[in-house]
Amino acid sequence: TAFVEKPKDPPAIPGQPDMALASMGIYVFQTRFLIEQLRR
């Protein structure tokens, strides 16, 4: 629902108030959609 870069108060995982989900820099796209987004 939101992507926050290096937040001071990281949002917690629902049901796990002490944990957060950090991006690993790994993304999966359908190729056609990715190319549309890159051109945009």
PDB file of all heavy atoms in Angstrom:
ATOM      1  N   THR A   1       0.822  -1.220   0.000  1.00  0.00           N
ATOM      2  CA  THR A   1       0.000   0.000   0.000  1.00  0.00           C
ATOM      3  C   THR A   1       0.849   1.260   0.000  1.00  0.00           C
ATOM      4  O   THR A   1       0.365   2.338  -0.337  1.00  0.00           O
ATOM      5  CB  THR A   1      -0.940   0.020   1.219  1.00  0.00           C
ATOM      6  OG1 THR A   1      -0.150  -0.093   2.425  1.00  0.00           O
ATOM      7  CG2 THR A   1      -1.913  -1.153   1.167  1.00  0.00           C
ATOM      8  N   ALA A   2       2.117   1.137   0.381  1.00  0.00           N
ATOM      9  CA  ALA A   2       3.026   2.293   0.344  1.00  0.00           C
ATOM     10  C   ALA A   2       4.455   1.791   0.336  1.00  0.00           C
ATOM     11  O   ALA A   2       4.772   0.736   0.896  1.00  0.00           O
ATOM     12  CB  ALA A   2       2.792   3.216   1.546  1.00  0.00           C
ATOM     13  N   PHE A   3       5.319   2.559  -0.339  1.00  0.00           N
ATOM     14  CA  PHE A   3       6.751   2.250  -0.375  1.00  0.00           C
ATOM     15  C   PHE A   3       7.479   3.459   0.198  1.00  0.00           C
ATOM     16  O   PHE A   3       7.372   4.560  -0.324  1.00  0.00           O
ATOM     17  CB  PHE A   3       7.193   1.985  -1.821  1.00  0.00           C
ATOM     18  CG  PHE A   3       8.666   1.679  -1.956  1.00  0.00           C
ATOM     19  CD1 PHE A   3       9.123   0.374  -1.877  1.00  0.00           C
ATOM     20  CD2 PHE A   3       9.592   2.690  -2.156  1.00  0.00           C
ATOM     21  CE1 PHE A   3      10.477   0.086  -2.008  1.00  0.00           C
ATOM     22  CE2 PHE A   3      10.944   2.411  -2.293  1.00  0.00           C
ATOM     23  CZ  PHE A   3      11.385   1.110  -2.213  1.00  0.00           C
ATOM     24  N   VAL A   4       8.187   3.249   1.309  1.00  0.00           N
ATOM     25  CA  VAL A   4       8.832   4.359   2.012  1.00  0.00           C
ATOM     26  C   VAL A   4      10.339   4.142   2.006  1.00  0.00           C
ATOM     27  O   VAL A   4      10.825   3.095   2.449  1.00  0.00           O
ATOM     28  CB  VAL A   4       8.331   4.471   3.471  1.00  0.00           C
ATOM     29  CG1 VAL A   4       8.717   5.820   4.057  1.00  0.00           C
ATOM     30  CG2 VAL A   4       6.834   4.254   3.564  1.00  0.00           C
ATOM     31  N   GLU A   5      11.108   5.095   1.477  1.00  0.00           N
ATOM     32  CA  GLU A   5      12.563   4.974   1.376  1.00  0.00           C
ATOM     33  C   GLU A   5      13.219   5.454   2.662  1.00  0.00           C
ATOM     34  O   GLU A   5      13.072   6.605   3.067  1.00  0.00           O
ATOM     35  CB  GLU A   5      13.071   5.796   0.186  1.00  0.00           C
ATOM     36  CG  GLU A   5      14.527   5.528  -0.180  1.00  0.00           C
ATOM     37  CD  GLU A   5      14.765   4.140  -0.765  1.00  0.00           C
ATOM     38  OE1 GLU A   5      14.034   3.747  -1.686  1.00  0.00           O
ATOM     39  OE2 GLU A   5      15.686   3.445  -0.285  1.00  0.00           O
ATOM     40  N   LYS A   6      13.904   4.530   3.365  1.00  0.00           N
ATOM     41  CA  LYS A   6      14.671   4.825   4.587  1.00  0.00           C
ATOM     42  C   LYS A   6      13.861   5.648   5.601  1.00  0.00           C
ATOM     43  O   LYS A   6      14.244   6.763   5.959  1.00  0.00           O
ATOM     44  CB  LYS A   6      15.979   5.531   4.226  1.00  0.00           C
ATOM     45  CG  LYS A   6      16.889   4.682   3.345  1.00  0.00           C
ATOM     46  CD  LYS A   6      18.208   5.322   3.028  1.00  0.00           C
ATOM     47  CE  LYS A   6      19.066   4.402   2.172  1.00  0.00           C
ATOM     48  NZ  LYS A   6      20.345   4.988   1.768  1.00  0.00           N
ATOM     49  N   PRO A   7      12.731   5.106   6.077  1.00  0.00           N
ATOM     50  CA  PRO A   7      11.870   5.866   6.994  1.00  0.00           C
ATOM     51  C   PRO A   7      12.440   5.909   8.414  1.00  0.00           C
ATOM     52  O   PRO A   7      13.105   4.975   8.861  1.00  0.00           O
ATOM     53  CB  PRO A   7      10.565   5.071   6.969  1.00  0.00           C
ATOM     54  CG  PRO A   7      11.002   3.666   6.683  1.00  0.00           C
ATOM     55  CD  PRO A   7      12.213   3.768   5.793  1.00  0.00           C
ATOM     56  N   LYS A   8      12.158   7.005   9.138  1.00  0.00           N
ATOM     57  CA  LYS A   8      12.557   7.088  10.543  1.00  0.00           C
ATOM     58  C   LYS A   8      11.691   6.189  11.412  1.00  0.00           C
ATOM     59  O   LYS A   8      12.151   5.644  12.415  1.00  0.00           O
ATOM     60  CB  LYS A   8      12.470   8.542  11.015  1.00  0.00           C
ATOM     61  CG  LYS A   8      13.518   9.450  10.395  1.00  0.00           C
ATOM     62  CD  LYS A   8      13.407  10.874  10.922  1.00  0.00           C
ATOM     63  CE  LYS A   8      14.470  11.767  10.278  1.00  0.00           C
ATOM     64  NZ  LYS A   8      14.347  13.185  10.727  1.00  0.00           N
ATOM     65  N   ASP A   9      10.411   6.052  11.029  1.00  0.00           N
ATOM     66  CA  ASP A   9       9.488   5.194  11.770  1.00  0.00           C
ATOM     67  C   ASP A   9       8.907   4.156  10.806  1.00  0.00           C
ATOM     68  O   ASP A   9       7.833   4.339  10.240  1.00  0.00           O
ATOM     69  CB  ASP A   9       8.365   6.042  12.386  1.00  0.00           C
ATOM     70  CG  ASP A   9       7.419   5.199  13.236  1.00  0.00           C
ATOM     71  OD1 ASP A   9       7.870   4.144  13.739  1.00  0.00           O
ATOM     72  OD2 ASP A   9       6.242   5.581  13.373  1.00  0.00           O
ATOM     73  N   PRO A  10       9.620   3.034  10.603  1.00  0.00           N
ATOM     74  CA  PRO A  10       9.199   2.066   9.582  1.00  0.00           C
ATOM     75  C   PRO A  10       7.842   1.455   9.899  1.00  0.00           C
ATOM     76  O   PRO A  10       7.554   1.133  11.062  1.00  0.00           O
ATOM     77  CB  PRO A  10      10.307   0.997   9.643  1.00  0.00           C
ATOM     78  CG  PRO A  10      11.457   1.650  10.339  1.00  0.00           C
ATOM     79  CD  PRO A  10      10.858   2.633  11.279  1.00  0.00           C
ATOM     80  N   PRO A  11       6.968   1.292   8.883  1.00  0.00           N
ATOM     81  CA  PRO A  11       5.674   0.637   9.112  1.00  0.00           C
ATOM     82  C   PRO A  11       5.860  -0.839   9.446  1.00  0.00           C
ATOM     83  O   PRO A  11       6.723  -1.515   8.880  1.00  0.00           O
ATOM     84  CB  PRO A  11       4.944   0.811   7.773  1.00  0.00           C
ATOM     85  CG  PRO A  11       6.019   1.053   6.768  1.00  0.00           C
ATOM     86  CD  PRO A  11       7.131   1.745   7.491  1.00  0.00           C
ATOM     87  N   ALA A  12       5.044  -1.333  10.374  1.00  0.00           N
ATOM     88  CA  ALA A  12       5.155  -2.720  10.826  1.00  0.00           C
ATOM     89  C   ALA A  12       4.384  -3.656   9.906  1.00  0.00           C
ATOM     90  O   ALA A  12       3.485  -3.241   9.167  1.00  0.00           O
ATOM     91  CB  ALA A  12       4.640  -2.845  12.254  1.00  0.00           C
ATOM     92  N   ILE A  13       4.727  -4.933   9.946  1.00  0.00           N
ATOM     93  CA  ILE A  13       3.988  -5.969   9.231  1.00  0.00           C
ATOM     94  C   ILE A  13       2.697  -6.249  10.009  1.00  0.00           C
ATOM     95  O   ILE A  13       2.748  -6.387  11.242  1.00  0.00           O
ATOM     96  CB  ILE A  13       4.828  -7.260   9.127  1.00  0.00           C
ATOM     97  CG1 ILE A  13       6.152  -6.996   8.383  1.00  0.00           C
ATOM     98  CG2 ILE A  13       4.052  -8.368   8.431  1.00  0.00           C
ATOM     99  CD1 ILE A  13       7.120  -8.162   8.415  1.00  0.00           C
ATOM    100  N   PRO A  14       1.553  -6.325   9.362  1.00  0.00           N
ATOM    101  CA  PRO A  14       0.306  -6.653  10.066  1.00  0.00           C
ATOM    102  C   PRO A  14       0.444  -7.952  10.863  1.00  0.00           C
ATOM    103  O   PRO A  14       0.874  -8.984  10.332  1.00  0.00           O
ATOM    104  CB  PRO A  14      -0.718  -6.807   8.938  1.00  0.00           C
ATOM    105  CG  PRO A  14      -0.198  -5.946   7.835  1.00  0.00           C
ATOM    106  CD  PRO A  14       1.300  -6.052   7.922  1.00  0.00           C
ATOM    107  N   GLY A  15       0.135  -7.875  12.156  1.00  0.00           N
ATOM    108  CA  GLY A  15       0.243  -9.042  13.024  1.00  0.00           C
ATOM    109  C   GLY A  15       1.634  -9.259  13.593  1.00  0.00           C
ATOM    110  O   GLY A  15       1.838 -10.138  14.429  1.00  0.00           O
ATOM    111  N   GLN A  16       2.633  -8.478  13.131  1.00  0.00           N
ATOM    112  CA  GLN A  16       4.005  -8.568  13.651  1.00  0.00           C
ATOM    113  C   GLN A  16       4.499  -7.150  13.948  1.00  0.00           C
ATOM    114  O   GLN A  16       5.248  -6.562  13.164  1.00  0.00           O
ATOM    115  CB  GLN A  16       4.941  -9.249  12.641  1.00  0.00           C
ATOM    116  CG  GLN A  16       4.596 -10.704  12.338  1.00  0.00           C
ATOM    117  CD  GLN A  16       5.496 -11.280  11.253  1.00  0.00           C
ATOM    118  OE1 GLN A  16       5.174 -11.229  10.063  1.00  0.00           O
ATOM    119  NE2 GLN A  16       6.634 -11.814  11.640  1.00  0.00           N
ATOM    120  N   PRO A  17       4.088  -6.591  15.084  1.00  0.00           N
ATOM    121  CA  PRO A  17       4.355  -5.169  15.355  1.00  0.00           C
ATOM    122  C   PRO A  17       5.826  -4.797  15.467  1.00  0.00           C
ATOM    123  O   PRO A  17       6.170  -3.623  15.332  1.00  0.00           O
ATOM    124  CB  PRO A  17       3.623  -4.932  16.693  1.00  0.00           C
ATOM    125  CG  PRO A  17       3.444  -6.289  17.293  1.00  0.00           C
ATOM    126  CD  PRO A  17       3.307  -7.239  16.148  1.00  0.00           C
ATOM    127  N   ASP A  18       6.704  -5.771  15.701  1.00  0.00           N
ATOM    128  CA  ASP A  18       8.133  -5.468  15.855  1.00  0.00           C
ATOM    129  C   ASP A  18       8.935  -5.701  14.577  1.00  0.00           C
ATOM    130  O   ASP A  18      10.161  -5.532  14.572  1.00  0.00           O
ATOM    131  CB  ASP A  18       8.733  -6.316  16.984  1.00  0.00           C
ATOM    132  CG  ASP A  18       8.111  -5.990  18.332  1.00  0.00           C
ATOM    133  OD1 ASP A  18       7.730  -4.818  18.535  1.00  0.00           O
ATOM    134  OD2 ASP A  18       7.991  -6.921  19.161  1.00  0.00           O
ATOM    135  N   MET A  19       8.273  -6.124  13.486  1.00  0.00           N
ATOM    136  CA  MET A  19       8.973  -6.457  12.250  1.00  0.00           C
ATOM    137  C   MET A  19       8.515  -5.563  11.101  1.00  0.00           C
ATOM    138  O   MET A  19       7.381  -5.065  11.089  1.00  0.00           O
ATOM    139  CB  MET A  19       8.739  -7.918  11.877  1.00  0.00           C
ATOM    140  CG  MET A  19       9.148  -8.924  12.934  1.00  0.00           C
ATOM    141  SD  MET A  19      10.935  -8.939  13.245  1.00  0.00           S
ATOM    142  CE  MET A  19      11.497  -9.797  11.764  1.00  0.00           C
ATOM    143  N   ALA A  20       9.401  -5.361  10.131  1.00  0.00           N
ATOM    144  CA  ALA A  20       9.078  -4.591   8.924  1.00  0.00           C
ATOM    145  C   ALA A  20       9.534  -5.379   7.703  1.00  0.00           C
ATOM    146  O   ALA A  20      10.385  -6.279   7.805  1.00  0.00           O
ATOM    147  CB  ALA A  20       9.751  -3.224   8.967  1.00  0.00           C
ATOM    148  N   LEU A  21       8.963  -5.048   6.541  1.00  0.00           N
ATOM    149  CA  LEU A  21       9.354  -5.692   5.282  1.00  0.00           C
ATOM    150  C   LEU A  21      10.278  -4.759   4.503  1.00  0.00           C
ATOM    151  O   LEU A  21       9.851  -3.696   4.053  1.00  0.00           O
ATOM    152  CB  LEU A  21       8.119  -6.017   4.439  1.00  0.00           C
ATOM    153  CG  LEU A  21       7.370  -7.320   4.733  1.00  0.00           C
ATOM    154  CD1 LEU A  21       6.215  -7.480   3.758  1.00  0.00           C
ATOM    155  CD2 LEU A  21       8.294  -8.530   4.660  1.00  0.00           C
ATOM    156  N   ALA A  22      11.526  -5.153   4.357  1.00  0.00           N
ATOM    157  CA  ALA A  22      12.517  -4.341   3.654  1.00  0.00           C
ATOM    158  C   ALA A  22      12.716  -4.871   2.238  1.00  0.00           C
ATOM    159  O   ALA A  22      12.793  -6.085   2.015  1.00  0.00           O
ATOM    160  CB  ALA A  22      13.850  -4.355   4.398  1.00  0.00           C
ATOM    161  N   SER A  23      12.825  -3.952   1.283  1.00  0.00           N
ATOM    162  CA  SER A  23      13.038  -4.341  -0.108  1.00  0.00           C
ATOM    163  C   SER A  23      14.434  -4.914  -0.305  1.00  0.00           C
ATOM    164  O   SER A  23      15.417  -4.382   0.213  1.00  0.00           O
ATOM    165  CB  SER A  23      12.850  -3.131  -1.029  1.00  0.00           C
ATOM    166  OG  SER A  23      13.259  -3.445  -2.350  1.00  0.00           O
ATOM    167  N   MET A  24      14.525  -6.002  -1.069  1.00  0.00           N
ATOM    168  CA  MET A  24      15.809  -6.627  -1.390  1.00  0.00           C
ATOM    169  C   MET A  24      16.338  -6.165  -2.745  1.00  0.00           C
ATOM    170  O   MET A  24      17.385  -6.635  -3.186  1.00  0.00           O
ATOM    171  CB  MET A  24      15.655  -8.144  -1.408  1.00  0.00           C
ATOM    172  CG  MET A  24      15.194  -8.751  -0.097  1.00  0.00           C
ATOM    173  SD  MET A  24      14.722 -10.484  -0.285  1.00  0.00           S
ATOM    174  CE  MET A  24      16.284 -11.243  -0.695  1.00  0.00           C
ATOM    175  N   GLY A  25      15.593  -5.291  -3.428  1.00  0.00           N
ATOM    176  CA  GLY A  25      16.021  -4.870  -4.760  1.00  0.00           C
ATOM    177  C   GLY A  25      15.811  -5.938  -5.811  1.00  0.00           C
ATOM    178  O   GLY A  25      16.521  -5.986  -6.820  1.00  0.00           O
ATOM    179  N   ILE A  26      14.825  -6.832  -5.591  1.00  0.00           N
ATOM    180  CA  ILE A  26      14.478  -7.886  -6.543  1.00  0.00           C
ATOM    181  C   ILE A  26      13.048  -7.636  -7.004  1.00  0.00           C
ATOM    182  O   ILE A  26      12.143  -7.515  -6.174  1.00  0.00           O
ATOM    183  CB  ILE A  26      14.583  -9.284  -5.898  1.00  0.00           C
ATOM    184  CG1 ILE A  26      15.999  -9.524  -5.376  1.00  0.00           C
ATOM    185  CG2 ILE A  26      14.182 -10.373  -6.881  1.00  0.00           C
ATOM    186  CD1 ILE A  26      16.140 -10.809  -4.577  1.00  0.00           C
ATOM    187  N   TYR A  27      12.855  -7.542  -8.322  1.00  0.00           N
ATOM    188  CA  TYR A  27      11.529  -7.222  -8.860  1.00  0.00           C
ATOM    189  C   TYR A  27      11.174  -8.180  -9.995  1.00  0.00           C
ATOM    190  O   TYR A  27      12.029  -8.495 -10.838  1.00  0.00           O
ATOM    191  CB  TYR A  27      11.500  -5.785  -9.413  1.00  0.00           C
ATOM    192  CG  TYR A  27      12.068  -4.746  -8.476  1.00  0.00           C
ATOM    193  CD1 TYR A  27      13.278  -4.106  -8.767  1.00  0.00           C
ATOM    194  CD2 TYR A  27      11.414  -4.402  -7.301  1.00  0.00           C
ATOM    195  CE1 TYR A  27      13.813  -3.161  -7.913  1.00  0.00           C
ATOM    196  CE2 TYR A  27      11.926  -3.450  -6.436  1.00  0.00           C
ATOM    197  CZ  TYR A  27      13.139  -2.835  -6.746  1.00  0.00           C
ATOM    198  OH  TYR A  27      13.668  -1.893  -5.891  1.00  0.00           O
ATOM    199  N   VAL A  28       9.901  -8.609 -10.031  1.00  0.00           N
ATOM    200  CA  VAL A  28       9.402  -9.425 -11.129  1.00  0.00           C
ATOM    201  C   VAL A  28       8.287  -8.663 -11.843  1.00  0.00           C
ATOM    202  O   VAL A  28       7.364  -8.148 -11.194  1.00  0.00           O
ATOM    203  CB  VAL A  28       8.875 -10.791 -10.639  1.00  0.00           C
ATOM    204  CG1 VAL A  28       8.180 -11.541 -11.766  1.00  0.00           C
ATOM    205  CG2 VAL A  28      10.015 -11.636 -10.075  1.00  0.00           C
ATOM    206  N   PHE A  29       8.406  -8.569 -13.174  1.00  0.00           N
ATOM    207  CA  PHE A  29       7.409  -7.906 -14.013  1.00  0.00           C
ATOM    208  C   PHE A  29       7.036  -8.814 -15.177  1.00  0.00           C
ATOM    209  O   PHE A  29       7.851  -9.651 -15.602  1.00  0.00           O
ATOM    210  CB  PHE A  29       7.983  -6.632 -14.662  1.00  0.00           C
ATOM    211  CG  PHE A  29       8.343  -5.515 -13.745  1.00  0.00           C
ATOM    212  CD1 PHE A  29       9.605  -5.452 -13.159  1.00  0.00           C
ATOM    213  CD2 PHE A  29       7.449  -4.481 -13.483  1.00  0.00           C
ATOM    214  CE1 PHE A  29       9.960  -4.402 -12.341  1.00  0.00           C
ATOM    215  CE2 PHE A  29       7.793  -3.425 -12.664  1.00  0.00           C
ATOM    216  CZ  PHE A  29       9.044  -3.380 -12.093  1.00  0.00           C
ATOM    217  N   GLN A  30       5.855  -8.600 -15.725  1.00  0.00           N
ATOM    218  CA  GLN A  30       5.600  -9.079 -17.076  1.00  0.00           C
ATOM    219  C   GLN A  30       6.351  -8.125 -18.009  1.00  0.00           C
ATOM    220  O   GLN A  30       6.313  -6.909 -17.833  1.00  0.00           O
ATOM    221  CB  GLN A  30       4.102  -9.070 -17.378  1.00  0.00           C
ATOM    222  CG  GLN A  30       3.746  -9.932 -18.559  1.00  0.00           C
ATOM    223  CD  GLN A  30       2.264 -10.266 -18.620  1.00  0.00           C
ATOM    224  OE1 GLN A  30       1.470  -9.584 -17.981  1.00  0.00           O
ATOM    225  NE2 GLN A  30       1.900 -11.293 -19.370  1.00  0.00           N
ATOM    226  N   THR A  31       7.060  -8.657 -18.974  1.00  0.00           N
ATOM    227  CA  THR A  31       7.966  -7.836 -19.784  1.00  0.00           C
ATOM    228  C   THR A  31       7.237  -6.678 -20.460  1.00  0.00           C
ATOM    229  O   THR A  31       7.726  -5.545 -20.463  1.00  0.00           O
ATOM    230  CB  THR A  31       8.668  -8.710 -20.837  1.00  0.00           C
ATOM    231  OG1 THR A  31       9.297  -9.816 -20.180  1.00  0.00           O
ATOM    232  CG2 THR A  31       9.720  -7.912 -21.590  1.00  0.00           C
ATOM    233  N   ARG A  32       6.087  -6.964 -21.028  1.00  0.00           N
ATOM    234  CA  ARG A  32       5.339  -5.924 -21.737  1.00  0.00           C
ATOM    235  C   ARG A  32       5.003  -4.747 -20.811  1.00  0.00           C
ATOM    236  O   ARG A  32       5.167  -3.577 -21.170  1.00  0.00           O
ATOM    237  CB  ARG A  32       4.069  -6.524 -22.347  1.00  0.00           C
ATOM    238  CG  ARG A  32       3.294  -5.562 -23.252  1.00  0.00           C
ATOM    239  CD  ARG A  32       2.137  -6.263 -23.973  1.00  0.00           C
ATOM    240  NE  ARG A  32       1.133  -6.761 -23.044  1.00  0.00           N
ATOM    241  CZ  ARG A  32       0.932  -8.044 -22.774  1.00  0.00           C
ATOM    242  NH1 ARG A  32       1.664  -8.967 -23.378  1.00  0.00           N
ATOM    243  NH2 ARG A  32      -0.005  -8.424 -21.922  1.00  0.00           N
ATOM    244  N   PHE A  33       4.560  -5.061 -19.604  1.00  0.00           N
ATOM    245  CA  PHE A  33       4.213  -4.012 -18.638  1.00  0.00           C
ATOM    246  C   PHE A  33       5.457  -3.233 -18.212  1.00  0.00           C
ATOM    247  O   PHE A  33       5.428  -2.001 -18.089  1.00  0.00           O
ATOM    248  CB  PHE A  33       3.527  -4.638 -17.414  1.00  0.00           C
ATOM    249  CG  PHE A  33       3.201  -3.647 -16.335  1.00  0.00           C
ATOM    250  CD1 PHE A  33       2.079  -2.837 -16.437  1.00  0.00           C
ATOM    251  CD2 PHE A  33       4.021  -3.515 -15.219  1.00  0.00           C
ATOM    252  CE1 PHE A  33       1.779  -1.906 -15.450  1.00  0.00           C
ATOM    253  CE2 PHE A  33       3.721  -2.597 -14.226  1.00  0.00           C
ATOM    254  CZ  PHE A  33       2.599  -1.786 -14.344  1.00  0.00           C
ATOM    255  N   LEU A  34       6.567  -3.933 -17.993  1.00  0.00           N
ATOM    256  CA  LEU A  34       7.809  -3.260 -17.595  1.00  0.00           C
ATOM    257  C   LEU A  34       8.244  -2.254 -18.650  1.00  0.00           C
ATOM    258  O   LEU A  34       8.611  -1.115 -18.326  1.00  0.00           O
ATOM    259  CB  LEU A  34       8.917  -4.300 -17.368  1.00  0.00           C
ATOM    260  CG  LEU A  34      10.325  -3.728 -17.150  1.00  0.00           C
ATOM    261  CD1 LEU A  34      10.388  -2.862 -15.907  1.00  0.00           C
ATOM    262  CD2 LEU A  34      11.359  -4.856 -17.077  1.00  0.00           C
ATOM    263  N   ILE A  35       8.208  -2.648 -19.909  1.00  0.00           N
ATOM    264  CA  ILE A  35       8.641  -1.746 -20.983  1.00  0.00           C
ATOM    265  C   ILE A  35       7.741  -0.514 -21.053  1.00  0.00           C
ATOM    266  O   ILE A  35       8.225   0.614 -21.236  1.00  0.00           O
ATOM    267  CB  ILE A  35       8.685  -2.519 -22.321  1.00  0.00           C
ATOM    268  CG1 ILE A  35       9.843  -3.540 -22.287  1.00  0.00           C
ATOM    269  CG2 ILE A  35       8.845  -1.566 -23.505  1.00  0.00           C
ATOM    270  CD1 ILE A  35       9.877  -4.485 -23.458  1.00  0.00           C
ATOM    271  N   GLU A  36       6.435  -0.721 -20.862  1.00  0.00           N
ATOM    272  CA  GLU A  36       5.516   0.429 -20.820  1.00  0.00           C
ATOM    273  C   GLU A  36       5.912   1.394 -19.709  1.00  0.00           C
ATOM    274  O   GLU A  36       5.942   2.620 -19.906  1.00  0.00           O
ATOM    275  CB  GLU A  36       4.080  -0.058 -20.581  1.00  0.00           C
ATOM    276  CG  GLU A  36       3.438  -0.768 -21.761  1.00  0.00           C
ATOM    277  CD  GLU A  36       2.098  -1.407 -21.366  1.00  0.00           C
ATOM    278  OE1 GLU A  36       1.667  -1.215 -20.194  1.00  0.00           O
ATOM    279  OE2 GLU A  36       1.497  -2.089 -22.222  1.00  0.00           O
ATOM    280  N   GLN A  37       6.227   0.852 -18.537  1.00  0.00           N
ATOM    281  CA  GLN A  37       6.588   1.699 -17.396  1.00  0.00           C
ATOM    282  C   GLN A  37       7.926   2.412 -17.615  1.00  0.00           C
ATOM    283  O   GLN A  37       8.092   3.574 -17.239  1.00  0.00           O
ATOM    284  CB  GLN A  37       6.644   0.863 -16.111  1.00  0.00           C
ATOM    285  CG  GLN A  37       5.299   0.331 -15.660  1.00  0.00           C
ATOM    286  CD  GLN A  37       4.295   1.446 -15.413  1.00  0.00           C
ATOM    287  OE1 GLN A  37       4.567   2.410 -14.688  1.00  0.00           O
ATOM    288  NE2 GLN A  37       3.136   1.350 -16.044  1.00  0.00           N
ATOM    289  N   LEU A  38       8.868   1.733 -18.228  1.00  0.00           N
ATOM    290  CA  LEU A  38      10.173   2.347 -18.488  1.00  0.00           C
ATOM    291  C   LEU A  38      10.037   3.492 -19.484  1.00  0.00           C
ATOM    292  O   LEU A  38      10.676   4.548 -19.321  1.00  0.00           O
ATOM    293  CB  LEU A  38      11.155   1.295 -19.011  1.00  0.00           C
ATOM    294  CG  LEU A  38      11.600   0.222 -18.009  1.00  0.00           C
ATOM    295  CD1 LEU A  38      12.407  -0.855 -18.712  1.00  0.00           C
ATOM    296  CD2 LEU A  38      12.416   0.843 -16.872  1.00  0.00           C
ATOM    297  N   ARG A  39       9.220   3.314 -20.501  1.00  0.00           N
ATOM    298  CA  ARG A  39       9.027   4.379 -21.497  1.00  0.00           C
ATOM    299  C   ARG A  39       8.277   5.559 -20.882  1.00  0.00           C
ATOM    300  O   ARG A  39       8.605   6.722 -21.160  1.00  0.00           O
ATOM    301  CB  ARG A  39       8.306   3.827 -22.712  1.00  0.00           C
ATOM    302  CG  ARG A  39       9.223   2.941 -23.563  1.00  0.00           C
ATOM    303  CD  ARG A  39       8.540   2.351 -24.774  1.00  0.00           C
ATOM    304  NE  ARG A  39       9.545   1.717 -25.637  1.00  0.00           N
ATOM    305  CZ  ARG A  39       9.341   0.629 -26.364  1.00  0.00           C
ATOM    306  NH1 ARG A  39       8.155   0.039 -26.332  1.00  0.00           N
ATOM    307  NH2 ARG A  39      10.298   0.127 -27.117  1.00  0.00           N
ATOM    308  N   ARG A  40       7.307   5.257 -20.034  1.00  0.00           N
ATOM    309  CA  ARG A  40       6.591   6.341 -19.339  1.00  0.00           C
ATOM    310  C   ARG A  40       7.559   7.130 -18.452  1.00  0.00           C
ATOM    311  O   ARG A  40       7.576   8.358 -18.448  1.00  0.00           O
ATOM    312  CB  ARG A  40       5.463   5.749 -18.477  1.00  0.00           C
ATOM    313  CG  ARG A  40       4.724   6.786 -17.630  1.00  0.00           C
ATOM    314  CD  ARG A  40       3.954   6.149 -16.498  1.00  0.00           C
ATOM    315  NE  ARG A  40       4.785   5.333 -15.628  1.00  0.00           N
ATOM    316  CZ  ARG A  40       5.645   5.832 -14.723  1.00  0.00           C
ATOM    317  NH1 ARG A  40       5.782   7.144 -14.585  1.00  0.00           N
ATOM    318  NH2 ARG A  40       6.362   5.017 -13.986  1.00  0.00           N
TER     319      ARG A  40
END
